[in-house]
Amino acid sequence: MTKEEQRKQWIDRVEEFKASGKTQAEWCKERNINIRTFNYWYCKFKNPDDIKNSSNSWLSVKIEKALKKPESSVISIKIGNAIIEISPGYDADHLSKVLRVLNSLC
């Protein structure tokens, strides 16, 4: 099954669950679906806007030089309401983890 087929299958399942009027536990038990797996997909596709935007996994990021100290090489990254300032010598692994968390929240 391709990723797109899997995505479509879970969108259909979430819509079916929402129309059922049952709890997640009841619905999953009847279909022999792991409730944690279902909850992951449910959170991903519970809102119509989430479904429409889910095929695009890119997060829009605006990067600009900090205006406070033009002589410094600090970079500000704005994601939604969050602003991340990066200074020379930053920990790239730590930044990557922070961006993953922000991506999951946006």
PDB file of N, CA and C in Angstrom:
ATOM      1  N   MET A   1       0.849  -1.178   0.000  1.00  0.00           N
ATOM      2  CA  MET A   1       0.000   0.000   0.000  1.00  0.00           C
ATOM      3  C   MET A   1       0.895   1.242   0.000  1.00  0.00           C
ATOM      4  N   THR A   2       0.613   2.153  -0.913  1.00  0.00           N
ATOM      5  CA  THR A   2       1.398   3.386  -0.975  1.00  0.00           C
ATOM      6  C   THR A   2       1.014   4.295   0.193  1.00  0.00           C
ATOM      7  N   LYS A   3       1.841   5.306   0.429  1.00  0.00           N
ATOM      8  CA  LYS A   3       1.536   6.268   1.500  1.00  0.00           C
ATOM      9  C   LYS A   3       0.221   6.989   1.224  1.00  0.00           C
ATOM     10  N   GLU A   4      -0.023   7.331  -0.019  1.00  0.00           N
ATOM     11  CA  GLU A   4      -1.255   8.023  -0.377  1.00  0.00           C
ATOM     12  C   GLU A   4      -2.471   7.120  -0.170  1.00  0.00           C
ATOM     13  N   GLU A   5      -2.348   5.835  -0.503  1.00  0.00           N
ATOM     14  CA  GLU A   5      -3.442   4.887  -0.268  1.00  0.00           C
ATOM     15  C   GLU A   5      -3.710   4.730   1.225  1.00  0.00           C
ATOM     16  N   GLN A   6      -2.621   4.657   2.004  1.00  0.00           N
ATOM     17  CA  GLN A   6      -2.760   4.540   3.455  1.00  0.00           C
ATOM     18  C   GLN A   6      -3.422   5.793   4.033  1.00  0.00           C
ATOM     19  N   ARG A   7      -3.012   6.941   3.576  1.00  0.00           N
ATOM     20  CA  ARG A   7      -3.591   8.210   4.018  1.00  0.00           C
ATOM     21  C   ARG A   7      -5.090   8.236   3.733  1.00  0.00           C
ATOM     22  N   LYS A   8      -5.478   7.869   2.524  1.00  0.00           N
ATOM     23  CA  LYS A   8      -6.888   7.842   2.134  1.00  0.00           C
ATOM     24  C   LYS A   8      -7.671   6.856   3.003  1.00  0.00           C
ATOM     25  N   GLN A   9      -7.086   5.693   3.261  1.00  0.00           N
ATOM     26  CA  GLN A   9      -7.744   4.684   4.087  1.00  0.00           C
ATOM     27  C   GLN A   9      -8.026   5.235   5.492  1.00  0.00           C
ATOM     28  N   TRP A  10      -7.043   5.936   6.067  1.00  0.00           N
ATOM     29  CA  TRP A  10      -7.234   6.461   7.415  1.00  0.00           C
ATOM     30  C   TRP A  10      -8.194   7.650   7.436  1.00  0.00           C
ATOM     31  N   ILE A  11      -8.197   8.456   6.400  1.00  0.00           N
ATOM     32  CA  ILE A  11      -9.181   9.542   6.312  1.00  0.00           C
ATOM     33  C   ILE A  11     -10.585   8.933   6.314  1.00  0.00           C
ATOM     34  N   ASP A  12     -10.774   7.875   5.517  1.00  0.00           N
ATOM     35  CA  ASP A  12     -12.077   7.210   5.454  1.00  0.00           C
ATOM     36  C   ASP A  12     -12.451   6.621   6.811  1.00  0.00           C
ATOM     37  N   ARG A  13     -11.482   6.005   7.490  1.00  0.00           N
ATOM     38  CA  ARG A  13     -11.753   5.415   8.802  1.00  0.00           C
ATOM     39  C   ARG A  13     -12.140   6.485   9.823  1.00  0.00           C
ATOM     40  N   VAL A  14     -11.431   7.595   9.818  1.00  0.00           N
ATOM     41  CA  VAL A  14     -11.735   8.674  10.766  1.00  0.00           C
ATOM     42  C   VAL A  14     -13.138   9.210  10.496  1.00  0.00           C
ATOM     43  N   GLU A  15     -13.492   9.411   9.231  1.00  0.00           N
ATOM     44  CA  GLU A  15     -14.829   9.896   8.889  1.00  0.00           C
ATOM     45  C   GLU A  15     -15.896   8.887   9.317  1.00  0.00           C
ATOM     46  N   GLU A  16     -15.627   7.611   9.093  1.00  0.00           N
ATOM     47  CA  GLU A  16     -16.560   6.563   9.502  1.00  0.00           C
ATOM     48  C   GLU A  16     -16.740   6.572  11.031  1.00  0.00           C
ATOM     49  N   PHE A  17     -15.631   6.696  11.754  1.00  0.00           N
ATOM     50  CA  PHE A  17     -15.711   6.756  13.225  1.00  0.00           C
ATOM     51  C   PHE A  17     -16.546   7.947  13.679  1.00  0.00           C
ATOM     52  N   LYS A  18     -16.273   9.129  13.113  1.00  0.00           N
ATOM     53  CA  LYS A  18     -16.989  10.339  13.533  1.00  0.00           C
ATOM     54  C   LYS A  18     -18.493  10.196  13.297  1.00  0.00           C
ATOM     55  N   ALA A  19     -18.887   9.502  12.244  1.00  0.00           N
ATOM     56  CA  ALA A  19     -20.304   9.315  11.933  1.00  0.00           C
ATOM     57  C   ALA A  19     -20.946   8.223  12.795  1.00  0.00           C
ATOM     58  N   SER A  20     -20.129   7.379  13.431  1.00  0.00           N
ATOM     59  CA  SER A  20     -20.661   6.228  14.170  1.00  0.00           C
ATOM     60  C   SER A  20     -21.323   6.592  15.496  1.00  0.00           C
ATOM     61  N   GLY A  21     -20.886   7.684  16.132  1.00  0.00           N
ATOM     62  CA  GLY A  21     -21.423   8.039  17.440  1.00  0.00           C
ATOM     63  C   GLY A  21     -20.878   7.173  18.559  1.00  0.00           C
ATOM     64  N   LYS A  22     -19.901   6.352  18.265  1.00  0.00           N
ATOM     65  CA  LYS A  22     -19.307   5.456  19.264  1.00  0.00           C
ATOM     66  C   LYS A  22     -18.041   6.072  19.841  1.00  0.00           C
ATOM     67  N   THR A  23     -17.587   5.517  20.951  1.00  0.00           N
ATOM     68  CA  THR A  23     -16.303   5.935  21.505  1.00  0.00           C
ATOM     69  C   THR A  23     -15.203   5.318  20.656  1.00  0.00           C
ATOM     70  N   GLN A  24     -14.004   5.876  20.771  1.00  0.00           N
ATOM     71  CA  GLN A  24     -12.872   5.302  20.031  1.00  0.00           C
ATOM     72  C   GLN A  24     -12.662   3.848  20.425  1.00  0.00           C
ATOM     73  N   ALA A  25     -12.762   3.568  21.721  1.00  0.00           N
ATOM     74  CA  ALA A  25     -12.532   2.202  22.215  1.00  0.00           C
ATOM     75  C   ALA A  25     -13.534   1.230  21.597  1.00  0.00           C
ATOM     76  N   GLU A  26     -14.814   1.597  21.574  1.00  0.00           N
ATOM     77  CA  GLU A  26     -15.844   0.724  21.001  1.00  0.00           C
ATOM     78  C   GLU A  26     -15.600   0.512  19.509  1.00  0.00           C
ATOM     79  N   TRP A  27     -15.381   1.619  18.814  1.00  0.00           N
ATOM     80  CA  TRP A  27     -15.213   1.552  17.367  1.00  0.00           C
ATOM     81  C   TRP A  27     -14.000   0.712  16.988  1.00  0.00           C
ATOM     82  N   CYS A  28     -12.887   0.940  17.675  1.00  0.00           N
ATOM     83  CA  CYS A  28     -11.649   0.205  17.366  1.00  0.00           C
ATOM     84  C   CYS A  28     -11.785  -1.277  17.701  1.00  0.00           C
ATOM     85  N   LYS A  29     -12.436  -1.586  18.816  1.00  0.00           N
ATOM     86  CA  LYS A  29     -12.601  -2.988  19.217  1.00  0.00           C
ATOM     87  C   LYS A  29     -13.415  -3.748  18.173  1.00  0.00           C
ATOM     88  N   GLU A  30     -14.488  -3.133  17.664  1.00  0.00           N
ATOM     89  CA  GLU A  30     -15.323  -3.778  16.647  1.00  0.00           C
ATOM     90  C   GLU A  30     -14.549  -4.073  15.366  1.00  0.00           C
ATOM     91  N   ARG A  31     -13.552  -3.256  15.076  1.00  0.00           N
ATOM     92  CA  ARG A  31     -12.797  -3.402  13.831  1.00  0.00           C
ATOM     93  C   ARG A  31     -11.401  -3.996  14.034  1.00  0.00           C
ATOM     94  N   ASN A  32     -11.123  -4.371  15.270  1.00  0.00           N
ATOM     95  CA  ASN A  32      -9.821  -4.958  15.608  1.00  0.00           C
ATOM     96  C   ASN A  32      -8.671  -4.040  15.177  1.00  0.00           C
ATOM     97  N   ILE A  33      -8.835  -2.732  15.509  1.00  0.00           N
ATOM     98  CA  ILE A  33      -7.809  -1.729  15.202  1.00  0.00           C
ATOM     99  C   ILE A  33      -7.185  -1.280  16.513  1.00  0.00           C
ATOM    100  N   ASN A  34      -5.876  -1.210  16.556  1.00  0.00           N
ATOM    101  CA  ASN A  34      -5.180  -0.744  17.758  1.00  0.00           C
ATOM    102  C   ASN A  34      -5.608   0.696  18.039  1.00  0.00           C
ATOM    103  N   ILE A  35      -6.081   0.944  19.257  1.00  0.00           N
ATOM    104  CA  ILE A  35      -6.614   2.265  19.594  1.00  0.00           C
ATOM    105  C   ILE A  35      -5.543   3.345  19.543  1.00  0.00           C
ATOM    106  N   ARG A  36      -4.311   3.023  19.879  1.00  0.00           N
ATOM    107  CA  ARG A  36      -3.238   4.025  19.811  1.00  0.00           C
ATOM    108  C   ARG A  36      -2.935   4.401  18.364  1.00  0.00           C
ATOM    109  N   THR A  37      -2.947   3.418  17.497  1.00  0.00           N
ATOM    110  CA  THR A  37      -2.738   3.690  16.077  1.00  0.00           C
ATOM    111  C   THR A  37      -3.875   4.554  15.546  1.00  0.00           C
ATOM    112  N   PHE A  38      -5.113   4.171  15.917  1.00  0.00           N
ATOM    113  CA  PHE A  38      -6.259   4.964  15.476  1.00  0.00           C
ATOM    114  C   PHE A  38      -6.168   6.392  16.003  1.00  0.00           C
ATOM    115  N   ASN A  39      -5.818   6.554  17.269  1.00  0.00           N
ATOM    116  CA  ASN A  39      -5.756   7.895  17.866  1.00  0.00           C
ATOM    117  C   ASN A  39      -4.719   8.766  17.160  1.00  0.00           C
ATOM    118  N   TYR A  40      -3.587   8.181  16.760  1.00  0.00           N
ATOM    119  CA  TYR A  40      -2.586   8.932  15.998  1.00  0.00           C
ATOM    120  C   TYR A  40      -3.217   9.511  14.730  1.00  0.00           C
ATOM    121  N   TRP A  41      -3.900   8.658  13.972  1.00  0.00           N
ATOM    122  CA  TRP A  41      -4.496   9.099  12.718  1.00  0.00           C
ATOM    123  C   TRP A  41      -5.685  10.015  12.967  1.00  0.00           C
ATOM    124  N   TYR A  42      -6.443   9.749  14.013  1.00  0.00           N
ATOM    125  CA  TYR A  42      -7.587  10.604  14.340  1.00  0.00           C
ATOM    126  C   TYR A  42      -7.117  12.030  14.619  1.00  0.00           C
ATOM    127  N   CYS A  43      -6.059  12.166  15.403  1.00  0.00           N
ATOM    128  CA  CYS A  43      -5.523  13.504  15.704  1.00  0.00           C
ATOM    129  C   CYS A  43      -5.051  14.190  14.427  1.00  0.00           C
ATOM    130  N   LYS A  44      -4.542  13.411  13.501  1.00  0.00           N
ATOM    131  CA  LYS A  44      -4.029  13.962  12.250  1.00  0.00           C
ATOM    132  C   LYS A  44      -5.156  14.438  11.329  1.00  0.00           C
ATOM    133  N   PHE A  45      -6.288  13.749  11.359  1.00  0.00           N
ATOM    134  CA  PHE A  45      -7.356  14.004  10.392  1.00  0.00           C
ATOM    135  C   PHE A  45      -8.707  14.358  11.009  1.00  0.00           C
ATOM    136  N   LYS A  46      -8.752  14.801  12.255  1.00  0.00           N
ATOM    137  CA  LYS A  46     -10.051  15.050  12.892  1.00  0.00           C
ATOM    138  C   LYS A  46     -10.756  16.293  12.356  1.00  0.00           C
ATOM    139  N   ASN A  47     -10.018  17.256  11.833  1.00  0.00           N
ATOM    140  CA  ASN A  47     -10.612  18.476  11.287  1.00  0.00           C
ATOM    141  C   ASN A  47     -10.492  18.480   9.766  1.00  0.00           C
ATOM    142  N   PRO A  48     -11.509  18.990   9.063  1.00  0.00           N
ATOM    143  CA  PRO A  48     -11.443  19.026   7.594  1.00  0.00           C
ATOM    144  C   PRO A  48     -10.207  19.763   7.075  1.00  0.00           C
ATOM    145  N   ASP A  49      -9.791  20.850   7.753  1.00  0.00           N
ATOM    146  CA  ASP A  49      -8.601  21.579   7.308  1.00  0.00           C
ATOM    147  C   ASP A  49      -7.345  20.732   7.462  1.00  0.00           C
ATOM    148  N   ASP A  50      -7.301  19.862   8.491  1.00  0.00           N
ATOM    149  CA  ASP A  50      -6.154  18.986   8.694  1.00  0.00           C
ATOM    150  C   ASP A  50      -6.023  18.011   7.525  1.00  0.00           C
ATOM    151  N   ILE A  51      -7.158  17.505   7.052  1.00  0.00           N
ATOM    152  CA  ILE A  51      -7.144  16.562   5.933  1.00  0.00           C
ATOM    153  C   ILE A  51      -6.657  17.255   4.668  1.00  0.00           C
ATOM    154  N   LYS A  52      -7.173  18.459   4.425  1.00  0.00           N
ATOM    155  CA  LYS A  52      -6.807  19.206   3.218  1.00  0.00           C
ATOM    156  C   LYS A  52      -5.314  19.536   3.200  1.00  0.00           C
ATOM    157  N   ASN A  53      -4.757  19.881   4.368  1.00  0.00           N
ATOM    158  CA  ASN A  53      -3.367  20.317   4.435  1.00  0.00           C
ATOM    159  C   ASN A  53      -2.388  19.190   4.712  1.00  0.00           C
ATOM    160  N   SER A  54      -2.872  17.976   4.982  1.00  0.00           N
ATOM    161  CA  SER A  54      -1.976  16.913   5.419  1.00  0.00           C
ATOM    162  C   SER A  54      -1.094  16.367   4.309  1.00  0.00           C
ATOM    163  N   SER A  55      -1.489  16.531   3.059  1.00  0.00           N
ATOM    164  CA  SER A  55      -0.668  15.998   1.986  1.00  0.00           C
ATOM    165  C   SER A  55       0.592  16.817   1.785  1.00  0.00           C
ATOM    166  N   ASN A  56       0.627  18.015   2.337  1.00  0.00           N
ATOM    167  CA  ASN A  56       1.804  18.868   2.227  1.00  0.00           C
ATOM    168  C   ASN A  56       2.551  18.821   3.556  1.00  0.00           C
ATOM    169  N   SER A  57       3.678  18.149   3.577  1.00  0.00           N
ATOM    170  CA  SER A  57       4.395  17.988   4.834  1.00  0.00           C
ATOM    171  C   SER A  57       5.427  19.092   5.073  1.00  0.00           C
ATOM    172  N   TRP A  58       5.497  20.077   4.183  1.00  0.00           N
ATOM    173  CA  TRP A  58       6.450  21.162   4.355  1.00  0.00           C
ATOM    174  C   TRP A  58       5.873  22.200   5.294  1.00  0.00           C
ATOM    175  N   LEU A  59       6.706  22.763   6.099  1.00  0.00           N
ATOM    176  CA  LEU A  59       6.323  23.817   7.019  1.00  0.00           C
ATOM    177  C   LEU A  59       6.926  25.115   6.528  1.00  0.00           C
ATOM    178  N   SER A  60       6.104  26.145   6.429  1.00  0.00           N
ATOM    179  CA  SER A  60       6.587  27.436   5.971  1.00  0.00           C
ATOM    180  C   SER A  60       7.423  28.087   7.070  1.00  0.00           C
ATOM    181  N   VAL A  61       8.621  28.474   6.734  1.00  0.00           N
ATOM    182  CA  VAL A  61       9.546  29.086   7.693  1.00  0.00           C
ATOM    183  C   VAL A  61      10.099  30.358   7.073  1.00  0.00           C
ATOM    184  N   LYS A  62      10.110  31.437   7.860  1.00  0.00           N
ATOM    185  CA  LYS A  62      10.676  32.693   7.392  1.00  0.00           C
ATOM    186  C   LYS A  62      11.966  32.926   8.181  1.00  0.00           C
ATOM    187  N   ILE A  63      13.064  33.092   7.493  1.00  0.00           N
ATOM    188  CA  ILE A  63      14.360  33.300   8.132  1.00  0.00           C
ATOM    189  C   ILE A  63      14.843  34.705   7.802  1.00  0.00           C
ATOM    190  N   GLU A  64      15.246  35.428   8.831  1.00  0.00           N
ATOM    191  CA  GLU A  64      15.752  36.779   8.590  1.00  0.00           C
ATOM    192  C   GLU A  64      16.834  37.089   9.617  1.00  0.00           C
ATOM    193  N   LYS A  65      17.718  37.977   9.260  1.00  0.00           N
ATOM    194  CA  LYS A  65      18.749  38.427  10.195  1.00  0.00           C
ATOM    195  C   LYS A  65      18.092  39.201  11.328  1.00  0.00           C
ATOM    196  N   ALA A  66      18.633  39.045  12.530  1.00  0.00           N
ATOM    197  CA  ALA A  66      18.092  39.769  13.682  1.00  0.00           C
ATOM    198  C   ALA A  66      18.294  41.266  13.487  1.00  0.00           C
ATOM    199  N   LEU A  67      17.282  42.046  13.827  1.00  0.00           N
ATOM    200  CA  LEU A  67      17.362  43.489  13.637  1.00  0.00           C
ATOM    201  C   LEU A  67      18.012  44.205  14.820  1.00  0.00           C
ATOM    202  N   LYS A  68      18.055  43.540  15.973  1.00  0.00           N
ATOM    203  CA  LYS A  68      18.601  44.179  17.173  1.00  0.00           C
ATOM    204  C   LYS A  68      20.066  44.538  17.014  1.00  0.00           C
ATOM    205  N   LYS A  69      20.853  43.610  16.517  1.00  0.00           N
ATOM    206  CA  LYS A  69      22.295  43.800  16.412  1.00  0.00           C
ATOM    207  C   LYS A  69      22.733  43.469  14.986  1.00  0.00           C
ATOM    208  N   PRO A  70      22.700  44.423  14.095  1.00  0.00           N
ATOM    209  CA  PRO A  70      23.044  44.124  12.709  1.00  0.00           C
ATOM    210  C   PRO A  70      24.447  43.571  12.539  1.00  0.00           C
ATOM    211  N   GLU A  71      25.343  43.907  13.470  1.00  0.00           N
ATOM    212  CA  GLU A  71      26.707  43.425  13.322  1.00  0.00           C
ATOM    213  C   GLU A  71      26.859  41.957  13.731  1.00  0.00           C
ATOM    214  N   SER A  72      25.861  41.436  14.475  1.00  0.00           N
ATOM    215  CA  SER A  72      25.949  40.037  14.896  1.00  0.00           C
ATOM    216  C   SER A  72      25.468  39.132  13.770  1.00  0.00           C
ATOM    217  N   SER A  73      25.733  37.869  13.906  1.00  0.00           N
ATOM    218  CA  SER A  73      25.264  36.926  12.898  1.00  0.00           C
ATOM    219  C   SER A  73      24.149  36.053  13.474  1.00  0.00           C
ATOM    220  N   VAL A  74      23.359  36.626  14.377  1.00  0.00           N
ATOM    221  CA  VAL A  74      22.203  35.931  14.926  1.00  0.00           C
ATOM    222  C   VAL A  74      21.118  35.884  13.855  1.00  0.00           C
ATOM    223  N   ILE A  75      20.470  34.725  13.726  1.00  0.00           N
ATOM    224  CA  ILE A  75      19.376  34.548  12.772  1.00  0.00           C
ATOM    225  C   ILE A  75      18.111  34.255  13.560  1.00  0.00           C
ATOM    226  N   SER A  76      17.001  34.889  13.185  1.00  0.00           N
ATOM    227  CA  SER A  76      15.708  34.623  13.806  1.00  0.00           C
ATOM    228  C   SER A  76      14.861  33.813  12.841  1.00  0.00           C
ATOM    229  N   ILE A  77      14.259  32.752  13.365  1.00  0.00           N
ATOM    230  CA  ILE A  77      13.330  31.932  12.588  1.00  0.00           C
ATOM    231  C   ILE A  77      11.968  32.092  13.242  1.00  0.00           C
ATOM    232  N   LYS A  78      10.967  32.509  12.441  1.00  0.00           N
ATOM    233  CA  LYS A  78       9.608  32.679  12.952  1.00  0.00           C
ATOM    234  C   LYS A  78       8.739  31.567  12.405  1.00  0.00           C
ATOM    235  N   ILE A  79       8.107  30.815  13.307  1.00  0.00           N
ATOM    236  CA  ILE A  79       7.172  29.759  12.940  1.00  0.00           C
ATOM    237  C   ILE A  79       5.901  30.021  13.731  1.00  0.00           C
ATOM    238  N   GLY A  80       4.868  30.463  13.065  1.00  0.00           N
ATOM    239  CA  GLY A  80       3.649  30.850  13.781  1.00  0.00           C
ATOM    240  C   GLY A  80       3.980  31.987  14.725  1.00  0.00           C
ATOM    241  N   ASN A  81       3.663  31.821  16.005  1.00  0.00           N
ATOM    242  CA  ASN A  81       3.966  32.833  17.005  1.00  0.00           C
ATOM    243  C   ASN A  81       5.338  32.629  17.636  1.00  0.00           C
ATOM    244  N   ALA A  82       6.001  31.532  17.321  1.00  0.00           N
ATOM    245  CA  ALA A  82       7.300  31.227  17.919  1.00  0.00           C
ATOM    246  C   ALA A  82       8.429  31.891  17.144  1.00  0.00           C
ATOM    247  N   ILE A  83       9.419  32.377  17.879  1.00  0.00           N
ATOM    248  CA  ILE A  83      10.620  32.953  17.270  1.00  0.00           C
ATOM    249  C   ILE A  83      11.822  32.237  17.863  1.00  0.00           C
ATOM    250  N   ILE A  84      12.658  31.701  17.008  1.00  0.00           N
ATOM    251  CA  ILE A  84      13.873  31.014  17.441  1.00  0.00           C
ATOM    252  C   ILE A  84      15.054  31.828  16.970  1.00  0.00           C
ATOM    253  N   GLU A  85      15.935  32.193  17.894  1.00  0.00           N
ATOM    254  CA  GLU A  85      17.135  32.934  17.524  1.00  0.00           C
ATOM    255  C   GLU A  85      18.318  31.975  17.544  1.00  0.00           C
ATOM    256  N   ILE A  86      19.080  31.979  16.462  1.00  0.00           N
ATOM    257  CA  ILE A  86      20.214  31.067  16.306  1.00  0.00           C
ATOM    258  C   ILE A  86      21.486  31.887  16.252  1.00  0.00           C
ATOM    259  N   SER A  87      22.406  31.561  17.129  1.00  0.00           N
ATOM    260  CA  SER A  87      23.700  32.244  17.192  1.00  0.00           C
ATOM    261  C   SER A  87      24.777  31.336  16.620  1.00  0.00           C
ATOM    262  N   PRO A  88      25.904  31.915  16.239  1.00  0.00           N
ATOM    263  CA  PRO A  88      27.008  31.083  15.767  1.00  0.00           C
ATOM    264  C   PRO A  88      27.366  30.033  16.814  1.00  0.00           C
ATOM    265  N   GLY A  89      27.694  28.840  16.366  1.00  0.00           N
ATOM    266  CA  GLY A  89      28.064  27.756  17.267  1.00  0.00           C
ATOM    267  C   GLY A  89      26.860  27.005  17.813  1.00  0.00           C
ATOM    268  N   TYR A  90      25.677  27.200  17.219  1.00  0.00           N
ATOM    269  CA  TYR A  90      24.474  26.533  17.707  1.00  0.00           C
ATOM    270  C   TYR A  90      24.594  25.025  17.548  1.00  0.00           C
ATOM    271  N   ASP A  91      23.777  24.287  18.309  1.00  0.00           N
ATOM    272  CA  ASP A  91      23.731  22.832  18.246  1.00  0.00           C
ATOM    273  C   ASP A  91      22.688  22.431  17.200  1.00  0.00           C
ATOM    274  N   ALA A  92      23.128  21.983  16.052  1.00  0.00           N
ATOM    275  CA  ALA A  92      22.231  21.659  14.945  1.00  0.00           C
ATOM    276  C   ALA A  92      21.256  20.545  15.312  1.00  0.00           C
ATOM    277  N   ASP A  93      21.694  19.567  16.083  1.00  0.00           N
ATOM    278  CA  ASP A  93      20.813  18.468  16.496  1.00  0.00           C
ATOM    279  C   ASP A  93      19.685  18.992  17.377  1.00  0.00           C
ATOM    280  N   HIS A  94      20.019  19.880  18.299  1.00  0.00           N
ATOM    281  CA  HIS A  94      19.016  20.460  19.192  1.00  0.00           C
ATOM    282  C   HIS A  94      18.004  21.298  18.387  1.00  0.00           C
ATOM    283  N   LEU A  95      18.481  22.092  17.455  1.00  0.00           N
ATOM    284  CA  LEU A  95      17.603  22.893  16.606  1.00  0.00           C
ATOM    285  C   LEU A  95      16.663  21.987  15.818  1.00  0.00           C
ATOM    286  N   SER A  96      17.176  20.908  15.292  1.00  0.00           N
ATOM    287  CA  SER A  96      16.367  19.964  14.530  1.00  0.00           C
ATOM    288  C   SER A  96      15.230  19.405  15.388  1.00  0.00           C
ATOM    289  N   LYS A  97      15.525  19.070  16.649  1.00  0.00           N
ATOM    290  CA  LYS A  97      14.499  18.557  17.559  1.00  0.00           C
ATOM    291  C   LYS A  97      13.445  19.612  17.845  1.00  0.00           C
ATOM    292  N   VAL A  98      13.862  20.842  18.071  1.00  0.00           N
ATOM    293  CA  VAL A  98      12.916  21.929  18.334  1.00  0.00           C
ATOM    294  C   VAL A  98      12.005  22.147  17.126  1.00  0.00           C
ATOM    295  N   LEU A  99      12.579  22.142  15.924  1.00  0.00           N
ATOM    296  CA  LEU A  99      11.787  22.349  14.718  1.00  0.00           C
ATOM    297  C   LEU A  99      10.789  21.209  14.515  1.00  0.00           C
ATOM    298  N   ARG A 100      11.171  19.971  14.841  1.00  0.00           N
ATOM    299  CA  ARG A 100      10.237  18.839  14.730  1.00  0.00           C
ATOM    300  C   ARG A 100       9.045  19.021  15.669  1.00  0.00           C
ATOM    301  N   VAL A 101       9.327  19.483  16.899  1.00  0.00           N
ATOM    302  CA  VAL A 101       8.237  19.710  17.852  1.00  0.00           C
ATOM    303  C   VAL A 101       7.314  20.806  17.350  1.00  0.00           C
ATOM    304  N   LEU A 102       7.887  21.912  16.882  1.00  0.00           N
ATOM    305  CA  LEU A 102       7.059  23.005  16.356  1.00  0.00           C
ATOM    306  C   LEU A 102       6.249  22.547  15.150  1.00  0.00           C
ATOM    307  N   ASN A 103       6.843  21.743  14.304  1.00  0.00           N
ATOM    308  CA  ASN A 103       6.152  21.226  13.132  1.00  0.00           C
ATOM    309  C   ASN A 103       4.951  20.388  13.534  1.00  0.00           C
ATOM    310  N   SER A 104       5.098  19.580  14.584  1.00  0.00           N
ATOM    311  CA  SER A 104       3.988  18.745  15.021  1.00  0.00           C
ATOM    312  C   SER A 104       2.874  19.561  15.659  1.00  0.00           C
ATOM    313  N   LEU A 105       3.199  20.737  16.197  1.00  0.00           N
ATOM    314  CA  LEU A 105       2.200  21.583  16.831  1.00  0.00           C
ATOM    315  C   LEU A 105       1.487  22.494  15.854  1.00  0.00           C
ATOM    316  N   CYS A 106       2.124  22.801  14.729  1.00  0.00           N
ATOM    317  CA  CYS A 106       1.541  23.741  13.763  1.00  0.00           C
ATOM    318  C   CYS A 106       0.647  23.030  12.777  1.00  0.00           C
TER     319      CYS A 106
END
